[in-house]
Amino acid sequence: MLILNKNWNIKSKKKIKKNVVVVINNIKKLYCNNNLSLDKKLTRKELNEYKLNLILTEEQKDVIIGCCLGDLYIRVFSNKGCLLFEQKNKEYLFHLYEIFKSYVKTAPKERKQKRLTTSEYKSTWYFNTITHNFFMEYRLFFYNQKSKYINKDLINCITARSLAYWYMADGSKQSNYMYLLYTCSFTIDEHNILIDILLKKFNIQSFWKYANVKKQLYPILVISKKHSTNNSHLIFKELIKPYIIESMKYKL
């Protein structure tokens, strides 16, 4: 189970100090919870002191969970986790950056890659966080060695906001009566777990089917009016609507 008590350091179980003063270049900086400014020139000692006073907000927790169900990757360095975000949608990527910027040393950058079949370049935007014990907990929760998997305890921590970020990352609207979640990397058994979680936690009826994704068949999740007895597509829409950013509202 994830440890989500925001008053404790996940690994050490030591109480986190509310405030700490660090002297950098003869200038005192006061770090108070997540109202922080991460300076790229911090020494290792100063950075470690900075990390001790970071606290994940409820919003950050929800977003990590939703993005992990999508395409967020958590890398491991020295037994600590690092979040790697990459998106085609620049506005959405910068929105994520604003949420996590107290954990980020370098602003988002653009990555251009030449397509194999054409001479065109595709563009994505990306950033990564500093390493932290917090993120390692999510790595252990969502990964079975190197691959993502669905933990049954997800039902205890997924929220409507998590659903929204999952959908913004890996969802689409088939019609006004059907929403799709591209859960291609998960097994059929894991799809059944997700179906059970959506029903028990949100009263959303869903099913999985095979879909042609990049010329291969993969399982995806479907939420539709036709295959529900309670207009689950409307329940889903109303749950995620408050959290969908402007550039993603076309998906509603």
C-alpha atoms as a PDB file:
ATOM      1  CA  MET A   1       0.000   0.000   0.000  1.00  0.00           C
ATOM      2  CA  LEU A   2       1.117   3.518  -0.677  1.00  0.00           C
ATOM      3  CA  ILE A   3       1.995   5.584   2.383  1.00  0.00           C
ATOM      4  CA  LEU A   4       0.285   8.887   1.772  1.00  0.00           C
ATOM      5  CA  ASN A   5       0.423  10.608   5.170  1.00  0.00           C
ATOM      6  CA  LYS A   6       1.723  14.032   4.267  1.00  0.00           C
ATOM      7  CA  ASN A   7       3.230  14.713   7.709  1.00  0.00           C
ATOM      8  CA  TRP A   8       5.839  11.958   7.468  1.00  0.00           C
ATOM      9  CA  ASN A   9       8.888  11.182   5.406  1.00  0.00           C
ATOM     10  CA  ILE A  10       7.989   7.917   3.640  1.00  0.00           C
ATOM     11  CA  LYS A  11      11.283   6.107   4.129  1.00  0.00           C
ATOM     12  CA  SER A  12      12.615   7.386   7.416  1.00  0.00           C
ATOM     13  CA  LYS A  13       9.284   7.847   9.224  1.00  0.00           C
ATOM     14  CA  LYS A  14      10.824  10.937  10.836  1.00  0.00           C
ATOM     15  CA  LYS A  15       8.729  14.038  11.367  1.00  0.00           C
ATOM     16  CA  ILE A  16       9.378  16.602   8.652  1.00  0.00           C
ATOM     17  CA  LYS A  17      10.382  20.025   9.868  1.00  0.00           C
ATOM     18  CA  LYS A  18       7.954  22.730   8.785  1.00  0.00           C
ATOM     19  CA  ASN A  19      10.593  25.345   7.985  1.00  0.00           C
ATOM     20  CA  VAL A  20      14.321  25.347   7.364  1.00  0.00           C
ATOM     21  CA  VAL A  21      16.709  28.175   6.617  1.00  0.00           C
ATOM     22  CA  VAL A  22      19.573  27.472   4.188  1.00  0.00           C
ATOM     23  CA  VAL A  23      22.329  29.968   3.469  1.00  0.00           C
ATOM     24  CA  ILE A  24      23.300  30.097  -0.219  1.00  0.00           C
ATOM     25  CA  ASN A  25      25.715  32.732  -1.516  1.00  0.00           C
ATOM     26  CA  ASN A  26      25.250  34.621   1.764  1.00  0.00           C
ATOM     27  CA  ILE A  27      21.504  34.852   1.117  1.00  0.00           C
ATOM     28  CA  LYS A  28      19.135  33.090   3.495  1.00  0.00           C
ATOM     29  CA  LYS A  29      16.324  31.172   1.818  1.00  0.00           C
ATOM     30  CA  LEU A  30      13.324  30.008   3.805  1.00  0.00           C
ATOM     31  CA  TYR A  31      11.753  26.802   2.537  1.00  0.00           C
ATOM     32  CA  CYS A  32       8.224  26.233   3.824  1.00  0.00           C
ATOM     33  CA  ASN A  33       6.559  22.953   2.798  1.00  0.00           C
ATOM     34  CA  ASN A  34       5.837  23.088  -0.947  1.00  0.00           C
ATOM     35  CA  ASN A  35       6.040  26.857  -1.328  1.00  0.00           C
ATOM     36  CA  LEU A  36       9.556  26.384  -2.643  1.00  0.00           C
ATOM     37  CA  SER A  37      12.061  27.585  -5.173  1.00  0.00           C
ATOM     38  CA  LEU A  38      14.476  24.944  -6.460  1.00  0.00           C
ATOM     39  CA  ASP A  39      17.829  26.504  -7.287  1.00  0.00           C
ATOM     40  CA  LYS A  40      19.914  24.556  -9.847  1.00  0.00           C
ATOM     41  CA  LYS A  41      23.107  25.706  -8.102  1.00  0.00           C
ATOM     42  CA  LEU A  42      22.351  24.027  -4.791  1.00  0.00           C
ATOM     43  CA  THR A  43      25.139  21.848  -3.440  1.00  0.00           C
ATOM     44  CA  ARG A  44      24.363  18.204  -2.711  1.00  0.00           C
ATOM     45  CA  LYS A  45      24.042  18.975   0.998  1.00  0.00           C
ATOM     46  CA  GLU A  46      21.706  21.889   0.340  1.00  0.00           C
ATOM     47  CA  LEU A  47      19.646  19.807  -2.084  1.00  0.00           C
ATOM     48  CA  ASN A  48      19.300  17.005   0.462  1.00  0.00           C
ATOM     49  CA  GLU A  49      18.167  19.552   3.059  1.00  0.00           C
ATOM     50  CA  TYR A  50      15.691  20.902   0.533  1.00  0.00           C
ATOM     51  CA  LYS A  51      14.300  17.418  -0.163  1.00  0.00           C
ATOM     52  CA  LEU A  52      13.696  16.747   3.529  1.00  0.00           C
ATOM     53  CA  ASN A  53      11.196  19.596   3.609  1.00  0.00           C
ATOM     54  CA  LEU A  54       9.227  18.665   0.529  1.00  0.00           C
ATOM     55  CA  ILE A  55       5.713  17.345   1.036  1.00  0.00           C
ATOM     56  CA  LEU A  56       3.552  15.906  -1.727  1.00  0.00           C
ATOM     57  CA  THR A  57       0.232  17.725  -1.984  1.00  0.00           C
ATOM     58  CA  GLU A  58      -3.037  15.865  -2.485  1.00  0.00           C
ATOM     59  CA  GLU A  59      -3.103  17.225  -6.036  1.00  0.00           C
ATOM     60  CA  GLN A  60       0.389  15.896  -6.779  1.00  0.00           C
ATOM     61  CA  LYS A  61      -0.509  12.467  -5.386  1.00  0.00           C
ATOM     62  CA  ASP A  62      -3.657  12.271  -7.515  1.00  0.00           C
ATOM     63  CA  VAL A  63      -1.816  13.393 -10.639  1.00  0.00           C
ATOM     64  CA  ILE A  64       0.998  10.855 -10.160  1.00  0.00           C
ATOM     65  CA  ILE A  65      -1.543   8.037  -9.814  1.00  0.00           C
ATOM     66  CA  GLY A  66      -3.463   9.124 -12.914  1.00  0.00           C
ATOM     67  CA  CYS A  67      -0.336   9.654 -14.988  1.00  0.00           C
ATOM     68  CA  CYS A  68       1.127   6.312 -13.905  1.00  0.00           C
ATOM     69  CA  LEU A  69      -1.970   4.645 -15.338  1.00  0.00           C
ATOM     70  CA  GLY A  70      -1.051   6.500 -18.530  1.00  0.00           C
ATOM     71  CA  ASP A  71       2.423   7.126 -19.926  1.00  0.00           C
ATOM     72  CA  LEU A  72       4.344   8.541 -16.968  1.00  0.00           C
ATOM     73  CA  TYR A  73       7.640   6.683 -16.447  1.00  0.00           C
ATOM     74  CA  ILE A  74       9.355   6.418 -13.060  1.00  0.00           C
ATOM     75  CA  ARG A  75      13.089   5.870 -13.310  1.00  0.00           C
ATOM     76  CA  VAL A  76      15.234   4.620 -10.420  1.00  0.00           C
ATOM     77  CA  PHE A  77      18.521   6.201  -9.318  1.00  0.00           C
ATOM     78  CA  SER A  78      20.241   5.042  -6.113  1.00  0.00           C
ATOM     79  CA  ASN A  79      17.019   3.495  -4.799  1.00  0.00           C
ATOM     80  CA  LYS A  80      15.081   6.731  -5.311  1.00  0.00           C
ATOM     81  CA  GLY A  81      12.450   7.513  -7.920  1.00  0.00           C
ATOM     82  CA  CYS A  82      12.470  10.177 -10.630  1.00  0.00           C
ATOM     83  CA  LEU A  83       9.355  11.133 -12.608  1.00  0.00           C
ATOM     84  CA  LEU A  84       9.778  11.514 -16.395  1.00  0.00           C
ATOM     85  CA  PHE A  85       6.990  13.390 -18.166  1.00  0.00           C
ATOM     86  CA  GLU A  86       6.768  13.636 -21.964  1.00  0.00           C
ATOM     87  CA  GLN A  87       3.788  14.832 -24.026  1.00  0.00           C
ATOM     88  CA  LYS A  88       2.937  16.039 -27.524  1.00  0.00           C
ATOM     89  CA  ASN A  89       0.553  18.620 -26.088  1.00  0.00           C
ATOM     90  CA  LYS A  90       2.756  21.521 -24.974  1.00  0.00           C
ATOM     91  CA  GLU A  91       0.052  23.182 -22.867  1.00  0.00           C
ATOM     92  CA  TYR A  92      -0.648  19.962 -20.998  1.00  0.00           C
ATOM     93  CA  LEU A  93       3.047  19.309 -20.381  1.00  0.00           C
ATOM     94  CA  PHE A  94       3.576  22.822 -19.002  1.00  0.00           C
ATOM     95  CA  HIS A  95       0.474  22.361 -16.863  1.00  0.00           C
ATOM     96  CA  LEU A  96       2.105  19.265 -15.332  1.00  0.00           C
ATOM     97  CA  TYR A  97       5.327  21.235 -14.890  1.00  0.00           C
ATOM     98  CA  GLU A  98       3.483  23.896 -12.860  1.00  0.00           C
ATOM     99  CA  ILE A  99       2.160  21.174 -10.575  1.00  0.00           C
ATOM    100  CA  PHE A 100       5.589  19.613  -9.970  1.00  0.00           C
ATOM    101  CA  LYS A 101       7.960  22.556 -10.414  1.00  0.00           C
ATOM    102  CA  SER A 102       9.064  22.465  -6.764  1.00  0.00           C
ATOM    103  CA  TYR A 103      10.628  19.089  -7.693  1.00  0.00           C
ATOM    104  CA  VAL A 104      12.124  20.206 -11.018  1.00  0.00           C
ATOM    105  CA  LYS A 105      15.538  21.786 -11.626  1.00  0.00           C
ATOM    106  CA  THR A 106      15.266  22.367 -15.386  1.00  0.00           C
ATOM    107  CA  ALA A 107      12.288  23.820 -17.259  1.00  0.00           C
ATOM    108  CA  PRO A 108      10.593  21.687 -19.970  1.00  0.00           C
ATOM    109  CA  LYS A 109      12.431  21.199 -23.245  1.00  0.00           C
ATOM    110  CA  GLU A 110      11.353  20.283 -26.743  1.00  0.00           C
ATOM    111  CA  ARG A 111      12.463  17.020 -28.334  1.00  0.00           C
ATOM    112  CA  LYS A 112      12.321  16.598 -32.117  1.00  0.00           C
ATOM    113  CA  GLN A 113      12.587  13.184 -33.716  1.00  0.00           C
ATOM    114  CA  LYS A 114      12.593  12.358 -37.406  1.00  0.00           C
ATOM    115  CA  ARG A 115       9.850   9.947 -38.461  1.00  0.00           C
ATOM    116  CA  LEU A 116      11.100   6.708 -39.998  1.00  0.00           C
ATOM    117  CA  THR A 117       8.554   6.662 -42.827  1.00  0.00           C
ATOM    118  CA  THR A 118       8.714  10.343 -43.815  1.00  0.00           C
ATOM    119  CA  SER A 119      11.125  13.236 -43.670  1.00  0.00           C
ATOM    120  CA  GLU A 120       8.930  15.021 -41.144  1.00  0.00           C
ATOM    121  CA  TYR A 121       9.861  15.604 -37.517  1.00  0.00           C
ATOM    122  CA  LYS A 122       7.565  14.913 -34.603  1.00  0.00           C
ATOM    123  CA  SER A 123       7.843  17.181 -31.606  1.00  0.00           C
ATOM    124  CA  THR A 124       7.315  16.376 -27.931  1.00  0.00           C
ATOM    125  CA  TRP A 125       7.926  18.285 -24.715  1.00  0.00           C
ATOM    126  CA  TYR A 126       9.482  16.761 -21.623  1.00  0.00           C
ATOM    127  CA  PHE A 127      10.883  17.351 -18.143  1.00  0.00           C
ATOM    128  CA  ASN A 128      11.947  15.220 -15.202  1.00  0.00           C
ATOM    129  CA  THR A 129      11.930  15.692 -11.458  1.00  0.00           C
ATOM    130  CA  ILE A 130      14.704  15.349  -8.948  1.00  0.00           C
ATOM    131  CA  THR A 131      14.980  11.944  -7.283  1.00  0.00           C
ATOM    132  CA  HIS A 132      13.008  11.414  -4.094  1.00  0.00           C
ATOM    133  CA  ASN A 133      11.877   8.651  -1.759  1.00  0.00           C
ATOM    134  CA  PHE A 134       8.270   9.708  -2.394  1.00  0.00           C
ATOM    135  CA  PHE A 135       8.532   8.734  -6.035  1.00  0.00           C
ATOM    136  CA  MET A 136      10.155   5.387  -5.237  1.00  0.00           C
ATOM    137  CA  GLU A 137       7.006   4.415  -3.320  1.00  0.00           C
ATOM    138  CA  TYR A 138       4.986   4.938  -6.503  1.00  0.00           C
ATOM    139  CA  ARG A 139       7.556   3.005  -8.504  1.00  0.00           C
ATOM    140  CA  LEU A 140       7.149   0.018  -6.171  1.00  0.00           C
ATOM    141  CA  PHE A 141       3.365   0.375  -6.276  1.00  0.00           C
ATOM    142  CA  PHE A 142       3.011   0.497 -10.073  1.00  0.00           C
ATOM    143  CA  TYR A 143       5.940  -1.578 -11.337  1.00  0.00           C
ATOM    144  CA  ASN A 144       6.654  -5.280 -11.251  1.00  0.00           C
ATOM    145  CA  GLN A 145      10.403  -5.173 -11.861  1.00  0.00           C
ATOM    146  CA  LYS A 146      10.590  -3.169 -15.130  1.00  0.00           C
ATOM    147  CA  SER A 147       6.974  -3.361 -16.302  1.00  0.00           C
ATOM    148  CA  LYS A 148       3.902  -1.531 -15.070  1.00  0.00           C
ATOM    149  CA  TYR A 149       1.106  -3.542 -13.558  1.00  0.00           C
ATOM    150  CA  ILE A 150      -2.222  -2.878 -11.824  1.00  0.00           C
ATOM    151  CA  ASN A 151      -2.078  -3.194  -8.064  1.00  0.00           C
ATOM    152  CA  LYS A 152      -5.412  -4.197  -6.493  1.00  0.00           C
ATOM    153  CA  ASP A 153      -4.845  -1.592  -3.776  1.00  0.00           C
ATOM    154  CA  LEU A 154      -5.289   1.098  -6.434  1.00  0.00           C
ATOM    155  CA  ILE A 155      -8.939   1.234  -5.362  1.00  0.00           C
ATOM    156  CA  ASN A 156      -7.831   2.845  -2.086  1.00  0.00           C
ATOM    157  CA  CYS A 157      -5.996   5.797  -3.636  1.00  0.00           C
ATOM    158  CA  ILE A 158      -7.463   6.533  -7.085  1.00  0.00           C
ATOM    159  CA  THR A 159      -9.658   9.667  -7.196  1.00  0.00           C
ATOM    160  CA  ALA A 160     -11.777  11.530  -9.736  1.00  0.00           C
ATOM    161  CA  ARG A 161      -8.803  13.804 -10.374  1.00  0.00           C
ATOM    162  CA  SER A 162      -6.634  10.733 -11.013  1.00  0.00           C
ATOM    163  CA  LEU A 163      -9.202   9.569 -13.580  1.00  0.00           C
ATOM    164  CA  ALA A 164      -9.021  12.940 -15.317  1.00  0.00           C
ATOM    165  CA  TYR A 165      -5.223  12.874 -15.676  1.00  0.00           C
ATOM    166  CA  TRP A 166      -5.325   9.260 -16.802  1.00  0.00           C
ATOM    167  CA  TYR A 167      -7.849  10.236 -19.455  1.00  0.00           C
ATOM    168  CA  MET A 168      -5.967  13.359 -20.584  1.00  0.00           C
ATOM    169  CA  ALA A 169      -2.809  11.277 -21.032  1.00  0.00           C
ATOM    170  CA  ASP A 170      -4.241   8.127 -22.603  1.00  0.00           C
ATOM    171  CA  GLY A 171      -7.909   8.604 -23.433  1.00  0.00           C
ATOM    172  CA  SER A 172     -10.136   9.686 -26.294  1.00  0.00           C
ATOM    173  CA  LYS A 173     -13.792  10.316 -27.061  1.00  0.00           C
ATOM    174  CA  GLN A 174     -15.227   7.929 -29.630  1.00  0.00           C
ATOM    175  CA  SER A 175     -18.569   9.775 -29.618  1.00  0.00           C
ATOM    176  CA  ASN A 176     -20.742  11.677 -27.150  1.00  0.00           C
ATOM    177  CA  TYR A 177     -21.737   8.296 -25.775  1.00  0.00           C
ATOM    178  CA  MET A 178     -18.382   6.485 -25.599  1.00  0.00           C
ATOM    179  CA  TYR A 179     -14.988   7.096 -23.987  1.00  0.00           C
ATOM    180  CA  LEU A 180     -11.860   5.005 -24.550  1.00  0.00           C
ATOM    181  CA  LEU A 181      -8.830   4.471 -22.303  1.00  0.00           C
ATOM    182  CA  TYR A 182      -5.793   3.076 -24.112  1.00  0.00           C
ATOM    183  CA  THR A 183      -4.632   0.549 -21.540  1.00  0.00           C
ATOM    184  CA  CYS A 184      -2.641  -1.401 -24.118  1.00  0.00           C
ATOM    185  CA  SER A 185       0.293  -2.298 -21.854  1.00  0.00           C
ATOM    186  CA  PHE A 186      -1.834  -4.098 -19.266  1.00  0.00           C
ATOM    187  CA  THR A 187      -2.869  -7.755 -19.276  1.00  0.00           C
ATOM    188  CA  ILE A 188      -6.436  -9.018 -19.588  1.00  0.00           C
ATOM    189  CA  ASP A 189      -6.449  -9.889 -15.877  1.00  0.00           C
ATOM    190  CA  GLU A 190      -5.329  -6.343 -15.092  1.00  0.00           C
ATOM    191  CA  HIS A 191      -8.109  -4.967 -17.292  1.00  0.00           C
ATOM    192  CA  ASN A 192     -10.584  -6.953 -15.222  1.00  0.00           C
ATOM    193  CA  ILE A 193      -9.104  -5.436 -12.050  1.00  0.00           C
ATOM    194  CA  LEU A 194      -9.509  -1.940 -13.523  1.00  0.00           C
ATOM    195  CA  ILE A 195     -13.108  -2.705 -14.505  1.00  0.00           C
ATOM    196  CA  ASP A 196     -13.811  -3.833 -10.944  1.00  0.00           C
ATOM    197  CA  ILE A 197     -12.173  -0.710  -9.465  1.00  0.00           C
ATOM    198  CA  LEU A 198     -14.138   1.662 -11.708  1.00  0.00           C
ATOM    199  CA  LEU A 199     -17.386  -0.025 -10.735  1.00  0.00           C
ATOM    200  CA  LYS A 200     -16.788  -0.263  -6.998  1.00  0.00           C
ATOM    201  CA  LYS A 201     -15.148   3.154  -6.543  1.00  0.00           C
ATOM    202  CA  PHE A 202     -17.073   5.302  -9.028  1.00  0.00           C
ATOM    203  CA  ASN A 203     -20.118   3.244 -10.094  1.00  0.00           C
ATOM    204  CA  ILE A 204     -18.755   3.309 -13.653  1.00  0.00           C
ATOM    205  CA  GLN A 205     -19.589   0.268 -15.769  1.00  0.00           C
ATOM    206  CA  SER A 206     -16.926  -0.523 -18.351  1.00  0.00           C
ATOM    207  CA  PHE A 207     -15.573  -3.376 -20.437  1.00  0.00           C
ATOM    208  CA  TRP A 208     -12.470  -4.214 -22.422  1.00  0.00           C
ATOM    209  CA  LYS A 209     -12.158  -5.014 -26.104  1.00  0.00           C
ATOM    210  CA  TYR A 210      -9.394  -5.474 -28.645  1.00  0.00           C
ATOM    211  CA  ALA A 211      -8.623  -2.443 -30.782  1.00  0.00           C
ATOM    212  CA  ASN A 212      -6.303  -1.843 -33.695  1.00  0.00           C
ATOM    213  CA  VAL A 213      -3.556   0.404 -32.318  1.00  0.00           C
ATOM    214  CA  LYS A 214      -0.635   1.137 -34.658  1.00  0.00           C
ATOM    215  CA  LYS A 215      -1.579  -1.866 -36.811  1.00  0.00           C
ATOM    216  CA  GLN A 216      -1.628  -4.274 -33.849  1.00  0.00           C
ATOM    217  CA  LEU A 217      -4.441  -5.553 -31.668  1.00  0.00           C
ATOM    218  CA  TYR A 218      -4.336  -4.435 -28.053  1.00  0.00           C
ATOM    219  CA  PRO A 219      -6.920  -4.485 -25.248  1.00  0.00           C
ATOM    220  CA  ILE A 220      -8.426  -1.123 -24.277  1.00  0.00           C
ATOM    221  CA  LEU A 221     -11.062  -0.016 -21.772  1.00  0.00           C
ATOM    222  CA  VAL A 222     -14.436   1.260 -22.988  1.00  0.00           C
ATOM    223  CA  ILE A 223     -17.038   3.317 -21.111  1.00  0.00           C
ATOM    224  CA  SER A 224     -20.228   3.648 -23.159  1.00  0.00           C
ATOM    225  CA  LYS A 225     -23.934   4.331 -22.889  1.00  0.00           C
ATOM    226  CA  LYS A 226     -24.822   1.220 -24.898  1.00  0.00           C
ATOM    227  CA  HIS A 227     -22.957  -1.142 -22.582  1.00  0.00           C
ATOM    228  CA  SER A 228     -24.098   0.301 -19.241  1.00  0.00           C
ATOM    229  CA  THR A 229     -27.370   0.403 -17.349  1.00  0.00           C
ATOM    230  CA  ASN A 230     -26.722   3.724 -15.581  1.00  0.00           C
ATOM    231  CA  ASN A 231     -25.327   6.091 -18.255  1.00  0.00           C
ATOM    232  CA  SER A 232     -21.780   5.451 -17.061  1.00  0.00           C
ATOM    233  CA  HIS A 233     -20.397   7.678 -19.805  1.00  0.00           C
ATOM    234  CA  LEU A 234     -22.134  10.650 -18.143  1.00  0.00           C
ATOM    235  CA  ILE A 235     -20.905   9.656 -14.677  1.00  0.00           C
ATOM    236  CA  PHE A 236     -17.358   9.484 -16.042  1.00  0.00           C
ATOM    237  CA  LYS A 237     -17.687  12.828 -17.825  1.00  0.00           C
ATOM    238  CA  GLU A 238     -19.011  14.666 -14.777  1.00  0.00           C
ATOM    239  CA  LEU A 239     -16.291  13.215 -12.541  1.00  0.00           C
ATOM    240  CA  ILE A 240     -13.392  14.300 -14.738  1.00  0.00           C
ATOM    241  CA  LYS A 241     -14.837  17.561 -16.101  1.00  0.00           C
ATOM    242  CA  PRO A 242     -13.601  19.885 -13.284  1.00  0.00           C
ATOM    243  CA  TYR A 243      -9.982  18.806 -13.859  1.00  0.00           C
ATOM    244  CA  ILE A 244      -9.715  18.839 -17.667  1.00  0.00           C
ATOM    245  CA  ILE A 245      -7.514  21.686 -18.898  1.00  0.00           C
ATOM    246  CA  GLU A 246      -8.627  24.022 -21.682  1.00  0.00           C
ATOM    247  CA  SER A 247      -6.634  22.424 -24.509  1.00  0.00           C
ATOM    248  CA  MET A 248      -8.065  18.985 -23.628  1.00  0.00           C
ATOM    249  CA  LYS A 249     -11.733  19.942 -23.392  1.00  0.00           C
ATOM    250  CA  TYR A 250     -12.317  18.662 -26.927  1.00  0.00           C
ATOM    251  CA  LYS A 251     -12.051  15.191 -25.368  1.00  0.00           C
ATOM    252  CA  LEU A 252     -15.193  15.789 -23.304  1.00  0.00           C
END
